[in-house]
Protein backbone atom coordinates (compact mmCIF):
# COMPACT_ATOMS: atom_id res chain seq x y z
CA MET A 1 11.23 29.65 -5.52
CA ARG A 2 9.00 27.89 -3.69
CA ARG A 3 10.53 24.74 -1.62
CA LYS A 4 10.15 20.72 -3.90
CA ILE A 5 9.12 18.07 -2.68
CA LEU A 6 10.03 14.62 -4.39
CA PHE A 7 7.88 11.91 -3.91
CA ILE A 8 8.67 7.82 -4.24
CA THR A 9 6.50 6.17 -6.02
CA GLY A 10 5.61 2.32 -6.44
CA SER A 11 2.99 0.84 -6.48
CA ILE A 12 -0.02 2.12 -8.68
CA ASN A 13 -1.95 1.99 -5.38
CA GLN A 14 1.54 3.49 -3.75
CA THR A 15 1.59 5.90 -6.28
CA THR A 16 -2.30 7.80 -6.66
CA GLN A 17 -1.72 7.92 -2.96
CA MET A 18 1.31 9.87 -3.67
CA HIS A 19 -0.62 12.40 -6.25
CA GLN A 20 -3.43 12.67 -3.50
CA ILE A 21 -1.20 14.19 -0.97
CA SER A 22 0.33 16.46 -3.55
CA LYS A 23 -3.19 17.94 -4.79
CA HIS A 24 -3.13 19.19 -0.82
CA LEU A 25 0.33 20.67 -1.65
CA SER A 26 0.40 21.82 -4.88
CA ASP A 27 -0.14 25.91 -4.80
CA ASN A 28 2.29 25.89 -2.33
CA TYR A 29 4.96 24.22 -2.85
CA ASP A 30 6.73 21.98 -6.06
CA CYS A 31 6.00 18.59 -6.24
CA TRP A 32 8.00 16.18 -8.36
CA PHE A 33 8.02 12.65 -8.57
CA SER A 34 10.52 9.45 -9.09
CA GLN A 35 9.53 5.42 -9.05
CA LEU A 36 11.67 4.61 -6.68
CA PHE A 37 14.85 3.62 -7.62
CA PRO A 38 18.26 1.66 -6.64
CA ASP A 39 20.95 3.74 -4.58
CA SER A 40 23.60 0.86 -3.86
CA ALA A 41 25.79 -1.07 -6.79
CA PHE A 42 24.48 -4.08 -5.56
CA LEU A 43 20.30 -3.36 -6.42
CA LYS A 44 21.50 -1.15 -9.18
CA ALA A 45 22.83 -4.47 -10.62
CA VAL A 46 20.87 -7.14 -9.73
CA ILE A 47 18.04 -5.54 -11.63
CA LYS A 48 20.45 -5.07 -15.15
CA TYR A 49 21.83 -8.28 -15.16
CA THR A 50 19.21 -9.89 -13.49
CA PRO A 51 15.07 -11.33 -13.54
CA PHE A 52 14.82 -10.76 -9.88
CA ALA A 53 13.53 -7.63 -9.77
CA ASP A 54 11.31 -8.14 -12.54
CA GLY A 55 8.28 -8.76 -9.88
CA THR A 56 9.08 -5.61 -7.89
CA VAL A 57 8.35 -1.86 -8.85
CA LEU A 58 12.20 -1.36 -9.32
CA LYS A 59 12.00 -2.37 -13.19
CA GLY A 60 9.43 -3.41 -15.63
CA GLN A 61 6.05 -2.95 -16.08
CA PHE A 62 5.29 -1.76 -12.34
CA ARG A 63 7.40 0.80 -13.03
CA ALA A 64 6.05 1.72 -16.37
CA LYS A 65 2.42 1.62 -15.41
CA SER A 66 3.77 4.18 -12.80
CA GLU A 67 5.26 6.95 -15.14
CA ASN A 68 2.50 6.44 -16.90
CA TYR A 69 0.05 7.14 -14.72
CA LEU A 70 2.03 10.55 -13.78
CA ARG A 71 2.11 11.74 -17.34
CA GLN A 72 -1.47 11.01 -17.64
CA HIS A 73 -1.91 13.79 -14.98
CA ASP A 74 0.97 15.85 -16.56
CA LEU A 75 2.80 15.22 -13.28
CA GLN A 76 6.70 17.01 -12.70
CA ILE A 77 8.67 13.29 -13.12
CA ASP A 78 12.36 13.39 -11.75
CA TYR A 79 13.36 10.03 -11.58
CA GLY A 80 16.49 9.10 -9.36
CA GLY A 81 15.84 12.83 -7.70
CA ASP A 82 18.62 14.56 -9.89
CA LYS A 83 17.02 17.63 -11.30
CA ASN A 84 16.67 19.52 -8.23
CA ILE A 85 18.14 19.87 -4.83
CA TYR A 86 14.92 18.74 -2.82
CA ASP A 87 13.93 20.15 0.97
CA LEU A 88 11.62 17.48 1.87
CA VAL A 89 10.89 13.72 0.42
CA VAL A 90 7.96 11.73 0.44
CA TYR A 91 8.51 7.42 0.87
CA CYS A 92 6.29 4.96 0.14
CA THR A 93 8.65 2.47 1.27
CA ASP A 94 11.80 3.13 3.88
CA MET A 95 13.19 -0.57 2.18
CA VAL A 96 15.35 1.35 -0.26
CA ILE A 97 16.35 5.20 0.61
CA ALA A 98 19.04 7.05 -0.78
CA ASN A 99 22.27 8.12 0.30
CA LYS A 100 21.72 10.99 -1.21
CA PHE A 101 19.01 12.06 0.60
CA ARG A 102 19.69 10.60 4.19
CA GLN A 103 20.60 14.76 4.86
CA THR A 104 16.99 15.74 3.47
CA LYS A 105 14.44 15.42 5.57
CA THR A 106 11.68 12.59 4.40
CA ILE A 107 8.34 11.26 5.74
CA TRP A 108 7.26 7.34 4.97
CA VAL A 109 3.62 6.81 4.24
CA GLN A 110 1.62 3.87 4.91
CA GLU A 111 1.04 2.45 1.96
CA GLY A 112 -1.30 -1.03 2.89
CA MET A 113 -0.62 -4.47 4.28
CA ILE A 114 2.89 -5.76 5.93
CA ASP A 115 3.89 -8.74 4.85
CA LYS A 116 3.88 -11.73 7.98
CA ARG A 117 7.86 -11.61 9.75
CA THR A 118 9.30 -14.93 9.18
CA LEU A 119 11.85 -16.39 10.21
CA LEU A 120 14.41 -14.82 7.56
CA THR A 121 12.70 -11.69 8.48
CA GLY A 122 14.14 -12.02 11.91
CA ILE A 123 17.39 -12.82 10.27
CA ILE A 124 17.85 -10.06 8.24
CA LYS A 125 17.23 -7.28 10.80
CA LYS A 126 19.73 -9.00 13.37
CA LEU A 127 22.23 -9.73 10.76
CA GLY A 128 21.73 -5.71 9.85
CA LEU A 129 21.13 -6.68 6.05
CA PRO A 130 19.57 -4.27 3.77
CA PRO A 131 15.70 -4.67 4.58
CA TYR A 132 14.84 -5.42 0.83
CA PHE A 133 16.77 -8.94 0.90
CA THR A 134 13.97 -10.45 3.10
CA GLY A 135 11.96 -10.43 -0.84
CA ASP A 136 8.81 -9.16 1.23
CA THR A 137 6.94 -6.31 2.55
CA SER A 138 7.97 -7.19 6.41
CA LEU A 139 10.05 -4.86 7.09
CA ASN A 140 8.67 -2.12 5.85
CA GLY A 141 7.92 0.75 7.99
CA SER A 142 10.15 -0.69 10.75
CA THR A 143 13.56 -0.08 9.55
CA ASN A 144 13.36 3.97 11.19
CA ILE A 145 15.18 5.65 8.64
CA CYS A 146 12.63 7.97 7.83
CA ASP A 147 12.69 11.31 10.04
CA VAL A 148 8.64 11.32 10.22
CA TYR A 149 6.05 7.50 9.54
CA CYS A 150 2.53 8.59 8.67
CA ALA A 151 0.40 4.96 9.60
CA ALA A 152 -2.84 4.23 9.25
CA SER A 153 -4.37 3.28 12.86
CA GLU A 154 -3.28 2.86 16.21
CA GLY A 155 -2.64 -0.83 16.38
CA TYR A 156 -0.33 -0.17 13.04
CA LYS A 157 1.33 2.33 15.24
CA ASN A 158 1.71 0.32 17.37
CA TYR A 159 3.11 -2.33 15.00
CA PHE A 160 6.13 -0.68 14.05
CA ALA A 161 7.12 0.68 17.45
CA GLN A 162 8.01 -2.88 18.22
CA ASN A 163 9.32 -3.75 15.10
CA GLY A 164 11.84 -0.76 15.16
CA THR A 165 10.58 2.56 14.44
CA ASP A 166 10.82 5.14 17.33
CA ALA A 167 7.49 5.62 18.72
CA GLY A 168 8.42 9.30 18.92
CA LYS A 169 8.55 9.39 15.03
CA LEU A 170 5.15 7.77 14.15
CA ILE A 171 1.78 9.39 13.36
CA VAL A 172 -2.01 8.86 12.78
CA THR A 173 -2.60 9.48 10.27
CA GLY A 174 -5.13 7.10 7.94
CA LEU A 175 -4.60 5.42 4.48
CA PRO A 176 -4.98 6.94 1.75
CA ASN A 177 -7.93 4.65 -0.67
CA TYR A 178 -9.06 2.78 2.37
CA ASP A 179 -10.04 5.64 4.76
CA ASN A 180 -13.55 5.86 3.30
CA HIS A 181 -15.58 2.57 2.44
CA LEU A 182 -18.46 3.75 2.90
CA GLU A 183 -18.75 5.38 -0.41
CA PHE A 184 -18.14 2.25 -2.38
CA ILE A 185 -21.89 0.47 -0.18
CA ASN A 186 -23.85 2.70 -3.26
CA ASN A 187 -22.64 1.12 -6.45
CA ASP A 188 -22.94 -0.25 -9.95
CA PHE A 189 -22.09 -4.00 -9.63
CA PRO A 190 -24.32 -6.02 -11.14
CA PHE A 191 -24.04 -8.80 -8.62
CA ARG A 192 -24.60 -9.70 -4.93
CA ASP A 193 -24.42 -12.49 -2.19
CA TYR A 194 -22.02 -14.05 -4.00
CA VAL A 195 -18.93 -15.05 -1.73
CA MET A 196 -15.49 -12.97 -3.00
CA VAL A 197 -12.47 -14.82 -3.10
CA ALA A 198 -9.43 -11.77 -3.98
CA THR A 199 -5.91 -13.24 -4.95
CA SER A 200 -2.50 -12.17 -4.35
CA ASP A 201 0.58 -12.02 -6.51
CA MET A 202 2.76 -14.42 -4.96
CA ARG A 203 3.92 -16.98 -8.21
CA GLU A 204 4.71 -13.38 -9.39
CA THR A 205 6.92 -12.21 -7.31
CA TYR A 206 8.87 -15.22 -6.61
CA ARG A 207 7.13 -16.06 -3.48
CA PHE A 208 5.86 -19.70 -3.25
CA GLU A 209 2.01 -20.65 -3.25
CA ASN A 210 -0.25 -23.93 -3.75
CA ARG A 211 -3.05 -21.88 -5.66
CA PRO A 212 -5.68 -25.67 -6.49
CA ALA A 213 -5.62 -25.56 -2.61
CA PHE A 214 -6.23 -21.98 -1.97
CA ILE A 215 -9.13 -22.66 -5.03
CA LYS A 216 -10.45 -25.97 -3.37
CA HIS A 217 -10.06 -23.68 0.00
CA ALA A 218 -11.88 -21.14 -1.17
CA VAL A 219 -14.46 -23.64 -2.85
CA LYS A 220 -14.91 -25.19 0.90
CA ILE A 221 -15.74 -21.78 2.29
CA ALA A 222 -18.10 -21.03 -0.14
CA ALA A 223 -20.44 -24.39 0.28
CA GLY A 224 -22.32 -23.73 -2.88
CA ARG A 225 -22.55 -19.96 -2.87
CA ARG A 226 -21.50 -18.62 -5.89
CA LEU A 227 -17.88 -17.54 -6.32
CA LEU A 228 -15.76 -15.01 -7.79
CA PHE A 229 -12.85 -14.56 -7.99
CA LYS A 230 -11.48 -10.77 -8.07
CA LEU A 231 -7.31 -12.18 -9.59
CA HIS A 232 -4.05 -9.52 -8.53
CA PRO A 233 -3.30 -7.12 -11.37
CA ASN A 234 0.19 -8.28 -11.28
CA GLU A 235 -1.14 -11.90 -11.91
CA LYS A 236 -0.40 -13.95 -15.16
CA TYR A 237 -4.29 -13.93 -15.97
CA ASP A 238 -4.79 -17.30 -18.61
CA ARG A 239 -2.94 -19.32 -15.88
CA ALA A 240 -4.90 -17.86 -12.90
CA GLU A 241 -7.70 -18.50 -15.06
CA ALA A 242 -7.59 -22.10 -15.95
CA GLU A 243 -6.57 -23.07 -12.69
CA ILE A 244 -10.32 -21.64 -11.55
CA ARG A 245 -12.04 -23.31 -13.92
CA LYS A 246 -10.16 -26.79 -13.19
CA TYR A 247 -10.85 -26.41 -9.26
CA ALA A 248 -13.84 -24.04 -8.56
CA PRO A 249 -17.19 -24.40 -9.69
CA ALA A 250 -19.58 -24.11 -13.36
CA GLY A 251 -21.02 -20.29 -12.77
CA THR A 252 -18.38 -19.34 -11.18
CA MET A 253 -17.10 -15.29 -11.77
CA VAL A 254 -13.48 -14.62 -12.38
CA TYR A 255 -12.51 -10.71 -12.93
CA HIS A 256 -9.23 -9.37 -13.80
CA SER A 257 -10.19 -5.68 -13.35
CA GLY A 258 -12.59 -3.63 -12.61
CA ASN A 259 -13.71 -2.06 -8.91
CA THR A 260 -12.62 -4.29 -6.52
CA ASN A 261 -14.33 -2.58 -3.91
CA HIS A 262 -17.86 -3.05 -5.24
CA MET A 263 -17.14 -6.24 -5.36
CA ILE A 264 -16.38 -6.59 -1.99
CA ALA A 265 -19.52 -4.28 -1.05
CA ASN A 266 -21.68 -6.78 -2.86
CA CYS A 267 -20.05 -9.57 -1.67
CA CYS A 268 -21.33 -12.40 1.80
CA GLU A 269 -18.50 -13.72 2.31
CA LEU A 270 -14.59 -12.51 1.82
CA VAL A 271 -11.36 -14.33 1.33
CA THR A 272 -8.23 -13.38 0.88
CA GLN A 273 -4.07 -14.10 0.86
CA TYR A 274 -2.24 -11.65 1.56
CA SER A 275 -4.06 -8.85 0.39
CA THR A 276 -5.34 -5.15 1.68
CA VAL A 277 -8.53 -5.40 0.22
CA VAL A 278 -9.54 -7.54 3.34
CA TYR A 279 -9.69 -4.20 4.96
CA THR A 280 -12.66 -3.13 2.78
CA GLY A 281 -13.93 -6.38 3.65
CA ILE A 282 -14.08 -5.44 8.32
CA ALA A 283 -15.04 -1.88 7.52
CA LEU A 284 -18.01 -3.46 5.46
CA GLY A 285 -18.71 -5.11 8.36
CA LYS A 286 -18.13 -8.78 6.52
CA LYS A 287 -17.28 -11.87 7.39
CA VAL A 288 -13.38 -12.22 6.25
CA HIS A 289 -10.75 -15.16 5.83
CA SER A 290 -7.11 -14.01 5.40
CA TYR A 291 -3.84 -15.86 5.27
CA PHE A 292 -2.89 -13.03 8.40
CA ASP A 293 -4.82 -13.68 12.09
CA VAL A 294 -8.20 -12.16 11.36
CA GLU A 295 -8.68 -10.96 15.00
CA GLU A 296 -5.25 -9.19 14.60
CA LEU A 297 -6.10 -7.71 11.20
CA LYS A 298 -9.09 -6.41 12.79
CA ARG A 299 -6.75 -4.53 15.50
CA LEU A 300 -4.54 -2.77 12.44
CA ALA A 301 -7.41 -2.09 9.68
CA PRO A 302 -6.80 1.18 9.44
CA ILE A 303 -8.95 3.90 10.58
CA GLN A 304 -12.06 5.16 8.86
CA ASN A 305 -12.13 9.03 8.74
CA GLY A 306 -14.19 10.29 5.90
CA GLY A 307 -11.63 10.06 2.86
CA THR A 308 -9.38 12.34 4.53
CA SER A 309 -5.98 10.85 5.03
CA ALA A 310 -4.39 12.61 2.10
CA SER A 311 -5.30 15.49 3.76
CA ASN A 312 -3.94 14.77 6.77
CA ILE A 313 -0.48 13.83 5.15
CA ALA A 314 -0.27 16.55 3.32
CA GLN A 315 -0.75 18.40 7.26
CA VAL A 316 2.31 16.74 8.37
CA CYS A 317 4.13 17.40 5.10
CA SER A 318 3.85 21.17 5.40
CA SER A 319 4.12 21.10 8.20
CA PHE A 320 7.49 19.55 9.01
CA LEU A 321 8.93 21.44 6.20
CA GLU A 322 8.10 24.80 8.03
CA PHE A 323 9.64 23.40 11.17
CA GLU A 324 12.89 24.76 12.04
CA GLU A 325 13.93 23.34 15.21
CA ASN A 326 15.49 20.11 15.55
CA LYS A 327 14.07 17.42 13.28
CA GLY A 328 13.50 14.54 16.02
CA GLU A 329 10.97 17.28 18.22
CA PHE A 330 8.45 17.89 14.88
CA VAL A 331 5.81 14.88 16.47
CA LYS A 332 6.62 15.85 20.25
CA GLN A 333 5.09 19.30 18.92
CA PHE A 334 2.97 18.68 15.90
CA ILE A 335 -0.61 18.45 16.40
CA LEU A 336 -2.78 17.11 13.80
CA ARG A 337 -6.32 19.29 13.15
CA PRO A 338 -8.42 16.39 11.55
CA THR A 339 -10.49 17.84 7.65
CA PRO A 340 -14.08 18.24 8.45
CA VAL A 341 -15.82 15.82 6.35
CA GLU A 342 -18.28 16.13 4.58
CA GLN A 343 -21.83 14.29 5.08
CA THR A 344 -23.26 12.41 2.39
CA GLU A 345 -26.06 9.81 3.03
CA VAL A 346 -25.34 6.46 2.34
CA GLN A 347 -27.64 3.65 1.22
CA TYR A 348 -27.38 0.17 2.34
CA VAL A 349 -27.95 -2.83 -0.30
């Protein structure tokens, strides 16, 4: 019997990352997938009786999108992890960890940008309340619950260590989907030299946003240059487009689908809110704007390793599975062997 691995999925980005990692493991291990699921009676009640989980990966369209992706790629689904006994669980968040897996080997994989810490973040942390009470991802990666943590960069490794996770659990592997931005430069997106605005789904996830003020801010940055808005896929498109048409100049382009990375590669300046795509702009040398401190983002930016992060993480998974000593000793002894990168010619445009 091959050892079994359960990958916990969430957003489409998290799901595609887990799929990429599993491709490097499926020849030797039996890989299964489950959308993030509630384990406590409280969370189960919130999902069943209230609308508060509707804007999260625990319920509704977000779970449906991820599970549709898994079915389209003929991957094995075990929602809730009840079909098998697993040797390893790979998490996309450590804010909801099932009690049934507390004795199982666990690995956390960073998915993208971590939300800003707020006063509420500090209160939740100090009181020892469940981290999802923050209503955001500000404590993701900082709970110290998993055995091993895979971080996007040295900057993020230090960040998680400073905010609660044991430095002896952290390994810099890179971040799938954000580790090879040079590949986006050669593209067929038809427009160039615009100021691009990447919005966030704050309102859809029950956070406050003054969207008219943000649009006016972007218009000011553009200073007469053409604007392109790329909406977050979770946004209510009709509402968002109507606001842009009202407050942005005529001729502003609005997209709710399409390759965001290609759009960023062709822009002359990037305006974001809380979006991880700001790292694409940084990696490609664009002038960027964010609700986060840009200099701090440059320190945190995911390493560019030619698209080998999924392979790196898979190496961590297989090595940890086969590690027979005390789990706490694994990171001390583990040596990441970088995957060779095939060199390709890049034409800058």
